C-alpha atoms as a PDB file:
ATOM      1  CA  MET A   1      -0.754 -59.417  -8.234  1.00  0.00           C
ATOM      2  CA  SER A   2      -0.711 -55.641  -8.266  1.00  0.00           C
ATOM      3  CA  ILE A   3      -0.525 -53.726 -11.516  1.00  0.00           C
ATOM      4  CA  ALA A   4       1.559 -50.599 -11.630  1.00  0.00           C
ATOM      5  CA  PRO A   5      -0.440 -47.515 -12.614  1.00  0.00           C
ATOM      6  CA  PRO A   6       0.292 -46.248 -16.110  1.00  0.00           C
ATOM      7  CA  SER A   7       2.823 -43.451 -16.419  1.00  0.00           C
ATOM      8  CA  PRO A   8       1.424 -39.995 -17.170  1.00  0.00           C
ATOM      9  CA  PRO A   9       1.643 -39.095 -20.849  1.00  0.00           C
ATOM     10  CA  GLU A  10       4.459 -36.910 -22.095  1.00  0.00           C
ATOM     11  CA  VAL A  11       3.395 -33.278 -22.547  1.00  0.00           C
ATOM     12  CA  ILE A  12       5.494 -30.796 -24.524  1.00  0.00           C
ATOM     13  CA  GLY A  13       4.617 -27.133 -24.916  1.00  0.00           C
ATOM     14  CA  PHE A  14       6.075 -23.769 -25.927  1.00  0.00           C
ATOM     15  CA  ARG A  15       5.054 -20.467 -24.364  1.00  0.00           C
ATOM     16  CA  ARG A  16       5.731 -16.886 -25.354  1.00  0.00           C
ATOM     17  CA  SER A  17       4.150 -13.474 -24.776  1.00  0.00           C
ATOM     18  CA  PRO A  18       3.821 -10.497 -27.144  1.00  0.00           C
ATOM     19  CA  GLY A  19       4.926  -8.281 -24.246  1.00  0.00           C
ATOM     20  CA  LEU A  20       8.205 -10.164 -23.756  1.00  0.00           C
ATOM     21  CA  ARG A  21      10.101 -10.113 -27.017  1.00  0.00           C
ATOM     22  CA  GLY A  22      13.065 -12.411 -27.491  1.00  0.00           C
ATOM     23  CA  VAL A  23      12.007 -14.952 -24.879  1.00  0.00           C
ATOM     24  CA  GLU A  24      10.370 -18.351 -25.247  1.00  0.00           C
ATOM     25  CA  VAL A  25       9.877 -21.170 -22.737  1.00  0.00           C
ATOM     26  CA  LEU A  26       9.880 -24.870 -23.566  1.00  0.00           C
ATOM     27  CA  ASP A  27       7.966 -27.009 -21.049  1.00  0.00           C
ATOM     28  CA  ALA A  28       8.509 -30.780 -20.967  1.00  0.00           C
ATOM     29  CA  TYR A  29       6.507 -32.919 -18.543  1.00  0.00           C
ATOM     30  CA  HIS A  30       6.954 -36.685 -17.954  1.00  0.00           C
ATOM     31  CA  SER A  31       9.495 -36.889 -20.761  1.00  0.00           C
ATOM     32  CA  ALA A  32      11.509 -40.101 -21.109  1.00  0.00           C
ATOM     33  CA  ARG A  33      12.869 -39.462 -24.586  1.00  0.00           C
ATOM     34  CA  ASP A  34      16.407 -38.636 -25.653  1.00  0.00           C
ATOM     35  CA  TRP A  35      16.538 -35.017 -26.758  1.00  0.00           C
ATOM     36  CA  ARG A  36      18.699 -34.157 -29.780  1.00  0.00           C
ATOM     37  CA  VAL A  37      18.774 -30.409 -30.153  1.00  0.00           C
ATOM     38  CA  ILE A  38      20.425 -27.642 -32.158  1.00  0.00           C
ATOM     39  CA  GLY A  39      18.938 -24.212 -31.494  1.00  0.00           C
ATOM     40  CA  ASP A  40      19.680 -20.669 -32.589  1.00  0.00           C
ATOM     41  CA  GLU A  41      19.023 -19.262 -29.092  1.00  0.00           C
ATOM     42  CA  PHE A  42      20.877 -19.197 -25.793  1.00  0.00           C
ATOM     43  CA  ALA A  43      19.182 -21.893 -23.707  1.00  0.00           C
ATOM     44  CA  VAL A  44      19.063 -22.553 -19.964  1.00  0.00           C
ATOM     45  CA  ALA A  45      17.398 -25.837 -18.996  1.00  0.00           C
ATOM     46  CA  VAL A  46      16.063 -26.009 -15.429  1.00  0.00           C
ATOM     47  CA  PRO A  47      15.063 -29.545 -14.337  1.00  0.00           C
ATOM     48  CA  GLN A  48      12.081 -30.052 -12.058  1.00  0.00           C
ATOM     49  CA  THR A  49      12.263 -33.847 -11.674  1.00  0.00           C
ATOM     50  CA  TRP A  50      14.461 -34.777 -14.644  1.00  0.00           C
ATOM     51  CA  HIS A  51      17.721 -36.635 -13.950  1.00  0.00           C
ATOM     52  CA  GLY A  52      20.188 -37.639 -16.621  1.00  0.00           C
ATOM     53  CA  GLU A  53      23.261 -36.821 -18.651  1.00  0.00           C
ATOM     54  CA  VAL A  54      23.826 -34.406 -21.510  1.00  0.00           C
ATOM     55  CA  ARG A  55      26.433 -35.027 -24.194  1.00  0.00           C
ATOM     56  CA  TYR A  56      27.775 -31.612 -25.183  1.00  0.00           C
ATOM     57  CA  ARG A  57      31.103 -30.437 -26.580  1.00  0.00           C
ATOM     58  CA  GLY A  58      32.479 -33.979 -26.429  1.00  0.00           C
ATOM     59  CA  PHE A  59      31.760 -34.596 -22.726  1.00  0.00           C
ATOM     60  CA  LEU A  60      28.959 -36.115 -20.636  1.00  0.00           C
ATOM     61  CA  HIS A  61      27.526 -33.680 -18.081  1.00  0.00           C
ATOM     62  CA  PRO A  62      25.326 -34.966 -15.213  1.00  0.00           C
ATOM     63  CA  VAL A  63      22.184 -32.867 -14.679  1.00  0.00           C
ATOM     64  CA  GLU A  64      19.646 -33.018 -11.855  1.00  0.00           C
ATOM     65  CA  PRO A  65      17.087 -30.773 -10.131  1.00  0.00           C
ATOM     66  CA  GLY A  66      18.687 -27.679  -8.618  1.00  0.00           C
ATOM     67  CA  MET A  67      21.107 -27.349 -11.517  1.00  0.00           C
ATOM     68  CA  ALA A  68      20.981 -25.549 -14.844  1.00  0.00           C
ATOM     69  CA  PHE A  69      22.275 -26.782 -18.170  1.00  0.00           C
ATOM     70  CA  CYS A  70      23.426 -23.968 -20.470  1.00  0.00           C
ATOM     71  CA  ASN A  71      24.096 -24.235 -24.181  1.00  0.00           C
ATOM     72  CA  GLN A  72      25.226 -21.707 -26.756  1.00  0.00           C
ATOM     73  CA  PRO A  73      23.405 -21.066 -30.041  1.00  0.00           C
ATOM     74  CA  ASP A  74      24.028 -23.474 -32.940  1.00  0.00           C
ATOM     75  CA  GLU A  75      25.764 -26.092 -30.796  1.00  0.00           C
ATOM     76  CA  PRO A  76      24.297 -29.645 -30.735  1.00  0.00           C
ATOM     77  CA  LEU A  77      23.469 -31.585 -27.605  1.00  0.00           C
ATOM     78  CA  VAL A  78      21.972 -34.952 -26.733  1.00  0.00           C
ATOM     79  CA  ALA A  79      20.135 -35.190 -23.380  1.00  0.00           C
ATOM     80  CA  MET A  80      19.473 -38.702 -22.035  1.00  0.00           C
ATOM     81  CA  PRO A  81      17.324 -39.404 -18.947  1.00  0.00           C
ATOM     82  CA  THR A  82      18.697 -41.825 -16.366  1.00  0.00           C
ATOM     83  CA  ARG A  83      17.581 -45.395 -17.235  1.00  0.00           C
ATOM     84  CA  GLY A  84      14.919 -43.929 -19.510  1.00  0.00           C
ATOM     85  CA  ARG A  85      12.893 -42.633 -16.557  1.00  0.00           C
ATOM     86  CA  PRO A  86      10.483 -39.796 -17.307  1.00  0.00           C
ATOM     87  CA  GLY A  87      11.068 -36.376 -15.794  1.00  0.00           C
ATOM     88  CA  SER A  88       9.998 -32.765 -16.185  1.00  0.00           C
ATOM     89  CA  PHE A  89      11.949 -29.618 -16.972  1.00  0.00           C
ATOM     90  CA  ASN A  90      11.635 -26.081 -18.354  1.00  0.00           C
ATOM     91  CA  VAL A  91      13.992 -24.373 -20.793  1.00  0.00           C
ATOM     92  CA  LEU A  92      14.382 -20.613 -21.078  1.00  0.00           C
ATOM     93  CA  LEU A  93      15.240 -19.716 -24.694  1.00  0.00           C
ATOM     94  CA  ILE A  94      16.786 -16.259 -25.140  1.00  0.00           C
ATOM     95  CA  GLN A  95      17.414 -14.673 -28.526  1.00  0.00           C
ATOM     96  CA  ARG A  96      20.939 -13.278 -28.958  1.00  0.00           C
ATOM     97  CA  PRO A  97      19.872  -9.605 -29.399  1.00  0.00           C
ATOM     98  CA  LEU A  98      17.976  -9.670 -26.108  1.00  0.00           C
ATOM     99  CA  LEU A  99      20.826 -11.221 -24.111  1.00  0.00           C
ATOM    100  CA  GLU A 100      23.254  -8.701 -25.612  1.00  0.00           C
ATOM    101  CA  GLU A 101      20.835  -5.906 -24.688  1.00  0.00           C
ATOM    102  CA  TRP A 102      20.696  -7.159 -21.088  1.00  0.00           C
ATOM    103  CA  LEU A 103      24.505  -7.242 -20.950  1.00  0.00           C
ATOM    104  CA  SER A 104      24.888  -3.725 -22.334  1.00  0.00           C
ATOM    105  CA  GLU A 105      22.369  -2.364 -19.813  1.00  0.00           C
ATOM    106  CA  GLN A 106      23.726  -4.141 -16.770  1.00  0.00           C
ATOM    107  CA  GLN A 107      27.486  -4.408 -17.199  1.00  0.00           C
ATOM    108  CA  ALA A 108      29.879  -1.500 -16.776  1.00  0.00           C
ATOM    109  CA  ARG A 109      32.183  -2.865 -19.502  1.00  0.00           C
ATOM    110  CA  PRO A 110      31.474  -4.830 -22.684  1.00  0.00           C
ATOM    111  CA  ILE A 111      31.541  -8.622 -22.330  1.00  0.00           C
ATOM    112  CA  ARG A 112      30.731 -11.465 -24.709  1.00  0.00           C
ATOM    113  CA  ALA A 113      27.430 -13.304 -24.524  1.00  0.00           C
ATOM    114  CA  GLU A 114      28.845 -16.625 -23.363  1.00  0.00           C
ATOM    115  CA  PHE A 115      27.970 -18.970 -20.516  1.00  0.00           C
ATOM    116  CA  SER A 116      30.627 -19.506 -17.844  1.00  0.00           C
ATOM    117  CA  ALA A 117      29.863 -23.220 -17.450  1.00  0.00           C
ATOM    118  CA  VAL A 118      27.895 -25.939 -19.217  1.00  0.00           C
ATOM    119  CA  SER A 119      26.170 -27.198 -16.071  1.00  0.00           C
ATOM    120  CA  LYS A 120      26.007 -25.387 -12.775  1.00  0.00           C
ATOM    121  CA  ARG A 121      24.114 -25.577  -9.510  1.00  0.00           C
ATOM    122  CA  LEU A 122      21.803 -22.595  -9.105  1.00  0.00           C
ATOM    123  CA  SER A 123      21.478 -20.401  -6.047  1.00  0.00           C
ATOM    124  CA  ALA A 124      18.114 -20.461  -4.288  1.00  0.00           C
ATOM    125  CA  GLY A 125      17.499 -16.866  -5.384  1.00  0.00           C
ATOM    126  CA  LEU A 126      18.081 -17.515  -9.088  1.00  0.00           C
ATOM    127  CA  LEU A 127      16.033 -20.716  -9.015  1.00  0.00           C
ATOM    128  CA  CYS A 128      13.158 -18.774  -7.439  1.00  0.00           C
ATOM    129  CA  LYS A 129      13.346 -16.139 -10.192  1.00  0.00           C
ATOM    130  CA  PHE A 130      13.263 -18.807 -12.895  1.00  0.00           C
ATOM    131  CA  ARG A 131      10.158 -20.314 -11.329  1.00  0.00           C
ATOM    132  CA  ARG A 132       8.532 -16.913 -10.984  1.00  0.00           C
ATOM    133  CA  LEU A 133       9.038 -16.082 -14.662  1.00  0.00           C
ATOM    134  CA  PHE A 134       7.787 -19.516 -15.746  1.00  0.00           C
ATOM    135  CA  ALA A 135       4.664 -18.954 -13.630  1.00  0.00           C
ATOM    136  CA  SER A 136       4.153 -15.384 -14.895  1.00  0.00           C
ATOM    137  CA  LEU A 137       4.040 -16.567 -18.509  1.00  0.00           C
ATOM    138  CA  ASP A 138       1.133 -18.822 -17.634  1.00  0.00           C
ATOM    139  CA  SER A 139      -0.873 -16.382 -15.547  1.00  0.00           C
ATOM    140  CA  SER A 140      -3.006 -13.286 -15.934  1.00  0.00           C
ATOM    141  CA  ASP A 141      -0.277 -10.971 -14.621  1.00  0.00           C
ATOM    142  CA  SER A 142       0.167  -7.629 -16.361  1.00  0.00           C
ATOM    143  CA  THR A 143       2.652  -7.115 -19.181  1.00  0.00           C
ATOM    144  CA  MET A 144       4.639  -4.803 -16.912  1.00  0.00           C
ATOM    145  CA  GLN A 145       4.951  -7.506 -14.263  1.00  0.00           C
ATOM    146  CA  LEU A 146       6.070 -10.067 -16.845  1.00  0.00           C
ATOM    147  CA  GLN A 147       8.703  -7.655 -18.173  1.00  0.00           C
ATOM    148  CA  SER A 148       9.845  -6.852 -14.631  1.00  0.00           C
ATOM    149  CA  ASP A 149      10.124 -10.544 -13.717  1.00  0.00           C
ATOM    150  CA  ALA A 150      12.267 -11.112 -16.826  1.00  0.00           C
ATOM    151  CA  LEU A 151      14.590  -8.232 -15.934  1.00  0.00           C
ATOM    152  CA  GLU A 152      14.894  -9.382 -12.318  1.00  0.00           C
ATOM    153  CA  LEU A 153      15.823 -12.829 -13.622  1.00  0.00           C
ATOM    154  CA  SER A 154      18.296 -11.399 -16.133  1.00  0.00           C
ATOM    155  CA  GLU A 155      20.281  -9.637 -13.400  1.00  0.00           C
ATOM    156  CA  SER A 156      20.862 -12.845 -11.423  1.00  0.00           C
ATOM    157  CA  LEU A 157      21.293 -14.972 -14.553  1.00  0.00           C
ATOM    158  CA  ILE A 158      24.082 -12.715 -15.791  1.00  0.00           C
ATOM    159  CA  ALA A 159      25.801 -12.651 -12.399  1.00  0.00           C
ATOM    160  CA  GLU A 160      25.748 -16.454 -11.985  1.00  0.00           C
ATOM    161  CA  LEU A 161      25.872 -17.897 -15.496  1.00  0.00           C
ATOM    162  CA  ILE A 162      27.630 -15.462 -17.868  1.00  0.00           C
ATOM    163  CA  ALA A 163      31.417 -15.586 -18.241  1.00  0.00           C
ATOM    164  CA  GLY A 164      33.242 -12.448 -17.150  1.00  0.00           C
ATOM    165  CA  ALA A 165      30.208 -10.794 -15.565  1.00  0.00           C
ATOM    166  CA  ASP A 166      31.055  -8.111 -13.012  1.00  0.00           C
ATOM    167  CA  ASP A 167      29.325  -8.509  -9.642  1.00  0.00           C
ATOM    168  CA  ALA A 168      29.510  -4.761  -8.986  1.00  0.00           C
ATOM    169  CA  LYS A 169      26.147  -3.028  -9.238  1.00  0.00           C
ATOM    170  CA  LEU A 170      25.787  -0.233 -11.772  1.00  0.00           C
ATOM    171  CA  ARG A 171      25.060   3.069 -10.082  1.00  0.00           C
ATOM    172  CA  ASP A 172      21.733   4.570 -11.058  1.00  0.00           C
ATOM    173  CA  GLY A 173      23.130   8.113 -11.231  1.00  0.00           C
ATOM    174  CA  PRO A 174      20.830  10.568 -12.979  1.00  0.00           C
ATOM    175  CA  ALA A 175      18.277   7.832 -13.636  1.00  0.00           C
ATOM    176  CA  ILE A 176      16.797   8.410 -10.179  1.00  0.00           C
ATOM    177  CA  ARG A 177      15.609  11.837 -11.339  1.00  0.00           C
ATOM    178  CA  GLY A 178      13.325  10.252 -13.928  1.00  0.00           C
ATOM    179  CA  THR A 179      11.326   8.357 -11.345  1.00  0.00           C
ATOM    180  CA  ALA A 180       8.931  11.208 -10.575  1.00  0.00           C
ATOM    181  CA  ARG A 181       8.030  11.403 -14.262  1.00  0.00           C
ATOM    182  CA  MET A 182       7.561   7.603 -14.353  1.00  0.00           C
ATOM    183  CA  ARG A 183       5.183   7.885 -11.422  1.00  0.00           C
ATOM    184  CA  GLU A 184       3.246  10.609 -13.235  1.00  0.00           C
ATOM    185  CA  CYS A 185       3.017   8.390 -16.320  1.00  0.00           C
ATOM    186  CA  LEU A 186       1.595   5.541 -14.247  1.00  0.00           C
ATOM    187  CA  HIS A 187      -1.165   7.884 -13.100  1.00  0.00           C
ATOM    188  CA  GLU A 188      -1.717   9.582 -16.459  1.00  0.00           C
ATOM    189  CA  GLU A 189      -1.243   6.853 -19.086  1.00  0.00           C
ATOM    190  CA  GLY A 190      -3.942   4.501 -17.793  1.00  0.00           C
ATOM    191  CA  LEU A 191      -3.630   1.238 -15.938  1.00  0.00           C
ATOM    192  CA  ASP A 192      -2.149  -0.888 -18.741  1.00  0.00           C
ATOM    193  CA  VAL A 193       1.095   0.929 -19.610  1.00  0.00           C
ATOM    194  CA  ASP A 194       4.039  -1.501 -19.860  1.00  0.00           C
ATOM    195  CA  LEU A 195       7.625  -1.167 -18.646  1.00  0.00           C
ATOM    196  CA  GLU A 196       9.099  -0.522 -22.091  1.00  0.00           C
ATOM    197  CA  THR A 197       6.729   2.392 -22.686  1.00  0.00           C
ATOM    198  CA  LEU A 198       7.339   3.766 -19.200  1.00  0.00           C
ATOM    199  CA  ALA A 199      11.124   3.667 -19.639  1.00  0.00           C
ATOM    200  CA  SER A 200      10.987   5.311 -23.065  1.00  0.00           C
ATOM    201  CA  LYS A 201       8.984   8.225 -21.624  1.00  0.00           C
ATOM    202  CA  VAL A 202      11.968   9.223 -19.481  1.00  0.00           C
ATOM    203  CA  GLY A 203      14.796   8.149 -21.815  1.00  0.00           C
ATOM    204  CA  LEU A 204      15.978   5.171 -19.747  1.00  0.00           C
ATOM    205  CA  SER A 205      16.538   1.514 -20.450  1.00  0.00           C
ATOM    206  CA  ARG A 206      14.019  -0.850 -18.919  1.00  0.00           C
ATOM    207  CA  PHE A 207      16.624  -2.060 -16.428  1.00  0.00           C
ATOM    208  CA  GLN A 208      17.514   1.486 -15.349  1.00  0.00           C
ATOM    209  CA  ALA A 209      13.831   2.361 -14.989  1.00  0.00           C
ATOM    210  CA  LEU A 210      13.116  -0.703 -12.868  1.00  0.00           C
ATOM    211  CA  ARG A 211      16.063  -0.191 -10.501  1.00  0.00           C
ATOM    212  CA  ALA A 212      15.610   3.562 -10.118  1.00  0.00           C
ATOM    213  CA  PHE A 213      11.878   3.336  -9.447  1.00  0.00           C
ATOM    214  CA  LYS A 214      12.367   0.604  -6.828  1.00  0.00           C
ATOM    215  CA  ARG A 215      15.087   2.602  -5.120  1.00  0.00           C
ATOM    216  CA  ARG A 216      12.961   5.728  -4.815  1.00  0.00           C
ATOM    217  CA  TYR A 217       9.522   4.298  -4.034  1.00  0.00           C
ATOM    218  CA  GLY A 218      10.255   0.891  -2.508  1.00  0.00           C
ATOM    219  CA  LEU A 219       8.081  -0.876  -5.082  1.00  0.00           C
ATOM    220  CA  PRO A 220       8.804  -2.033  -8.621  1.00  0.00           C
ATOM    221  CA  PRO A 221       6.639  -0.264 -11.218  1.00  0.00           C
ATOM    222  CA  HIS A 222       4.343  -3.247 -11.764  1.00  0.00           C
ATOM    223  CA  ALA A 223       3.536  -3.460  -8.040  1.00  0.00           C
ATOM    224  CA  TYR A 224       2.859   0.290  -7.947  1.00  0.00           C
ATOM    225  CA  GLN A 225       0.590  -0.117 -10.983  1.00  0.00           C
ATOM    226  CA  LEU A 226      -1.290  -2.924  -9.254  1.00  0.00           C
ATOM    227  CA  CYS A 227      -1.792  -0.747  -6.163  1.00  0.00           C
ATOM    228  CA  LEU A 228      -3.299   1.931  -8.426  1.00  0.00           C
ATOM    229  CA  ARG A 229      -5.671  -0.653  -9.885  1.00  0.00           C
ATOM    230  CA  ILE A 230      -6.757  -1.754  -6.414  1.00  0.00           C
ATOM    231  CA  CYS A 231      -7.242   1.877  -5.333  1.00  0.00           C
ATOM    232  CA  ARG A 232      -9.425   2.525  -8.374  1.00  0.00           C
ATOM    233  CA  ALA A 233     -11.365  -0.675  -7.710  1.00  0.00           C
ATOM    234  CA  ARG A 234     -12.113   0.394  -4.130  1.00  0.00           C
ATOM    235  CA  THR A 235     -13.428   3.723  -5.367  1.00  0.00           C
ATOM    236  CA  LEU A 236     -15.713   2.096  -7.933  1.00  0.00           C
ATOM    237  CA  LEU A 237     -16.956  -0.544  -5.491  1.00  0.00           C
ATOM    238  CA  GLY A 238     -17.686   2.163  -2.948  1.00  0.00           C
ATOM    239  CA  ALA A 239     -19.740   3.960  -5.586  1.00  0.00           C
ATOM    240  CA  GLY A 240     -21.856   0.847  -6.127  1.00  0.00           C
ATOM    241  CA  ALA A 241     -20.285  -0.636  -9.268  1.00  0.00           C
ATOM    242  CA  ALA A 242     -20.589  -4.410  -9.737  1.00  0.00           C
ATOM    243  CA  PRO A 243     -17.341  -6.379  -9.198  1.00  0.00           C
ATOM    244  CA  ALA A 244     -17.445  -7.810 -12.741  1.00  0.00           C
ATOM    245  CA  ASP A 245     -17.657  -4.281 -14.180  1.00  0.00           C
ATOM    246  CA  VAL A 246     -14.927  -3.059 -11.835  1.00  0.00           C
ATOM    247  CA  ALA A 247     -12.595  -5.827 -13.041  1.00  0.00           C
ATOM    248  CA  VAL A 248     -12.920  -4.691 -16.654  1.00  0.00           C
ATOM    249  CA  ARG A 249     -12.584  -0.974 -15.863  1.00  0.00           C
ATOM    250  CA  CYS A 250      -9.490  -1.506 -13.714  1.00  0.00           C
ATOM    251  CA  GLY A 251      -7.537  -3.621 -16.189  1.00  0.00           C
ATOM    252  CA  PHE A 252      -8.044  -7.073 -14.683  1.00  0.00           C
ATOM    253  CA  VAL A 253      -8.601 -10.063 -16.954  1.00  0.00           C
ATOM    254  CA  ASP A 254     -11.827 -11.083 -15.226  1.00  0.00           C
ATOM    255  CA  GLN A 255     -13.553 -11.013 -11.846  1.00  0.00           C
ATOM    256  CA  SER A 256     -11.545 -13.921 -10.431  1.00  0.00           C
ATOM    257  CA  HIS A 257      -8.345 -12.055 -11.305  1.00  0.00           C
ATOM    258  CA  LEU A 258      -9.667  -9.007  -9.440  1.00  0.00           C
ATOM    259  CA  ASN A 259     -10.791 -11.168  -6.502  1.00  0.00           C
ATOM    260  CA  ARG A 260      -7.344 -12.718  -6.059  1.00  0.00           C
ATOM    261  CA  HIS A 261      -5.392  -9.454  -6.056  1.00  0.00           C
ATOM    262  CA  PHE A 262      -8.006  -7.439  -4.164  1.00  0.00           C
ATOM    263  CA  LYS A 263      -8.094  -9.915  -1.278  1.00  0.00           C
ATOM    264  CA  ARG A 264      -4.294 -10.088  -1.187  1.00  0.00           C
ATOM    265  CA  HIS A 265      -4.051  -6.307  -0.846  1.00  0.00           C
ATOM    266  CA  VAL A 266      -7.171  -5.326   1.083  1.00  0.00           C
ATOM    267  CA  GLY A 267      -7.820  -8.471   3.125  1.00  0.00           C
ATOM    268  CA  VAL A 268     -11.399  -9.042   1.900  1.00  0.00           C
ATOM    269  CA  THR A 269     -13.016  -9.909  -1.415  1.00  0.00           C
ATOM    270  CA  PRO A 270     -14.495  -7.147  -3.600  1.00  0.00           C
ATOM    271  CA  MET A 271     -18.007  -8.345  -2.745  1.00  0.00           C
ATOM    272  CA  GLN A 272     -17.280  -8.302   0.987  1.00  0.00           C
ATOM    273  CA  TYR A 273     -15.810  -4.815   0.641  1.00  0.00           C
ATOM    274  CA  ALA A 274     -18.849  -3.574  -1.298  1.00  0.00           C
ATOM    275  CA  ASN A 275     -21.309  -5.125   1.150  1.00  0.00           C
ATOM    276  CA  ALA A 276     -19.482  -3.766   4.183  1.00  0.00           C
ATOM    277  CA  ASN A 277     -19.313  -0.329   2.575  1.00  0.00           C
ATOM    278  CA  ASN A 278     -23.064  -0.397   1.948  1.00  0.00           C
ATOM    279  CA  ASN A 279     -23.723  -1.489   5.533  1.00  0.00           C
ATOM    280  CA  ALA A 280     -21.554   1.340   6.844  1.00  0.00           C
ATOM    281  CA  LYS A 281     -23.533   4.025   5.061  1.00  0.00           C
ATOM    282  CA  GLY A 282     -26.214   3.979   7.756  1.00  0.00           C
ATOM    283  CA  ARG A 283     -23.707   4.433  10.586  1.00  0.00           C
ATOM    284  CA  SER A 284     -22.489   7.783  11.766  1.00  0.00           C
ATOM    285  CA  SER A 285     -18.954   6.445  12.231  1.00  0.00           C
ATOM    286  CA  GLY A 286     -18.768   4.746   8.866  1.00  0.00           C
ATOM    287  CA  VAL A 287     -16.678   1.968  10.489  1.00  0.00           C
ATOM    288  CA  TYR A 288     -17.201  -1.631   9.469  1.00  0.00           C
ATOM    289  CA  ARG A 289     -15.525  -4.950  10.081  1.00  0.00           C
ATOM    290  CA  VAL A 290     -15.240  -7.986   7.857  1.00  0.00           C
ATOM    291  CA  ILE A 291     -13.602 -11.109   9.266  1.00  0.00           C
ATOM    292  CA  SER A 292     -11.346 -12.582   6.584  1.00  0.00           C
ATOM    293  CA  PRO A 293      -7.757 -13.847   6.679  1.00  0.00           C
ATOM    294  CA  LEU A 294      -5.179 -11.735   4.901  1.00  0.00           C
ATOM    295  CA  VAL A 295      -2.607 -13.535   2.802  1.00  0.00           C
ATOM    296  CA  GLU A 296       0.301 -11.304   1.875  1.00  0.00           C
ATOM    297  CA  ASP A 297       2.705 -12.057  -0.950  1.00  0.00           C
ATOM    298  CA  ARG A 298       5.833 -10.068  -0.149  1.00  0.00           C
ATOM    299  CA  ALA A 299       7.529 -11.247  -3.346  1.00  0.00           C
ATOM    300  CA  GLU A 300       5.087  -9.043  -5.229  1.00  0.00           C
ATOM    301  CA  PHE A 301       6.585  -5.941  -3.635  1.00  0.00           C
ATOM    302  CA  THR A 302      10.203  -6.834  -2.945  1.00  0.00           C
ATOM    303  CA  ASN A 303      12.984  -8.895  -4.390  1.00  0.00           C
ATOM    304  CA  SER A 304      16.162 -10.331  -2.968  1.00  0.00           C
ATOM    305  CA  SER A 305      18.163  -8.134  -5.345  1.00  0.00           C
ATOM    306  CA  ASP A 306      16.939  -5.070  -3.456  1.00  0.00           C
ATOM    307  CA  ALA A 307      19.131  -5.921  -0.504  1.00  0.00           C
ATOM    308  CA  GLY A 308      22.156  -4.386  -2.180  1.00  0.00           C
ATOM    309  CA  LEU A 309      20.491  -1.106  -3.066  1.00  0.00           C
ATOM    310  CA  GLU A 310      21.387   1.993  -1.119  1.00  0.00           C
ATOM    311  CA  ARG A 311      18.625   3.506   0.955  1.00  0.00           C
END
């Protein structure tokens, strides 16, 4: 007689970042409980494996992976998993002032902060942006990247989930002229400047700064900042600095953080780069070769929302 393995324990957690005001993420793993909730935030629940029904506004709404469940502030809901089976999901909690700020920045006319539907199937692009933000909150990514991921998500979230949202893109207009100054700030203000500071330097909203910079330079500001960090790291490694010291001086959390991004951009680890550079010093050509596979993450440099931007 076989014995079924025990179910994994339920794990509940909340995540937030000082660099991302107005946003919190609830993570629920292997949860079989009924959830009875009243919150003061706008909430978007994104199931991973959770299946069930949600009683909200007097109706039962089926919810499954690939969908989102949206609820307004101060409105009660009861979420019940199918046959009490455990499942996992994430919930993006957005404070009202932040959502209203996103709407004022991104919509050509004033609209109310209100979801267009209680439950809705998500596009592949929006689902990917949710997952990217959830991952960014739990990683060593820079504050600027976290802020950029949130703004990229906000654009698609508004288009797909907010009632009355206009699909037309706002024109950047004069904002494009501030991009040169933003680029100067990235070079002058150190390697840890965040998006909010960068935008304030040129009198733009964060959303305007992000869109205008991407249009002009082909990279979002956080990716440009990361390229500067890698460039600085190469210089220091070439001068003989130890990788652990380079990581600290270039704004990386630790050496493993440097290793991951350096190999993604350069194709070799910092140690391989330093060793090859040392070996090349005795050669008149200064040419060296290190055999190492290059793994490129194009999502770091581009985003599906760029497709609509004018070139």
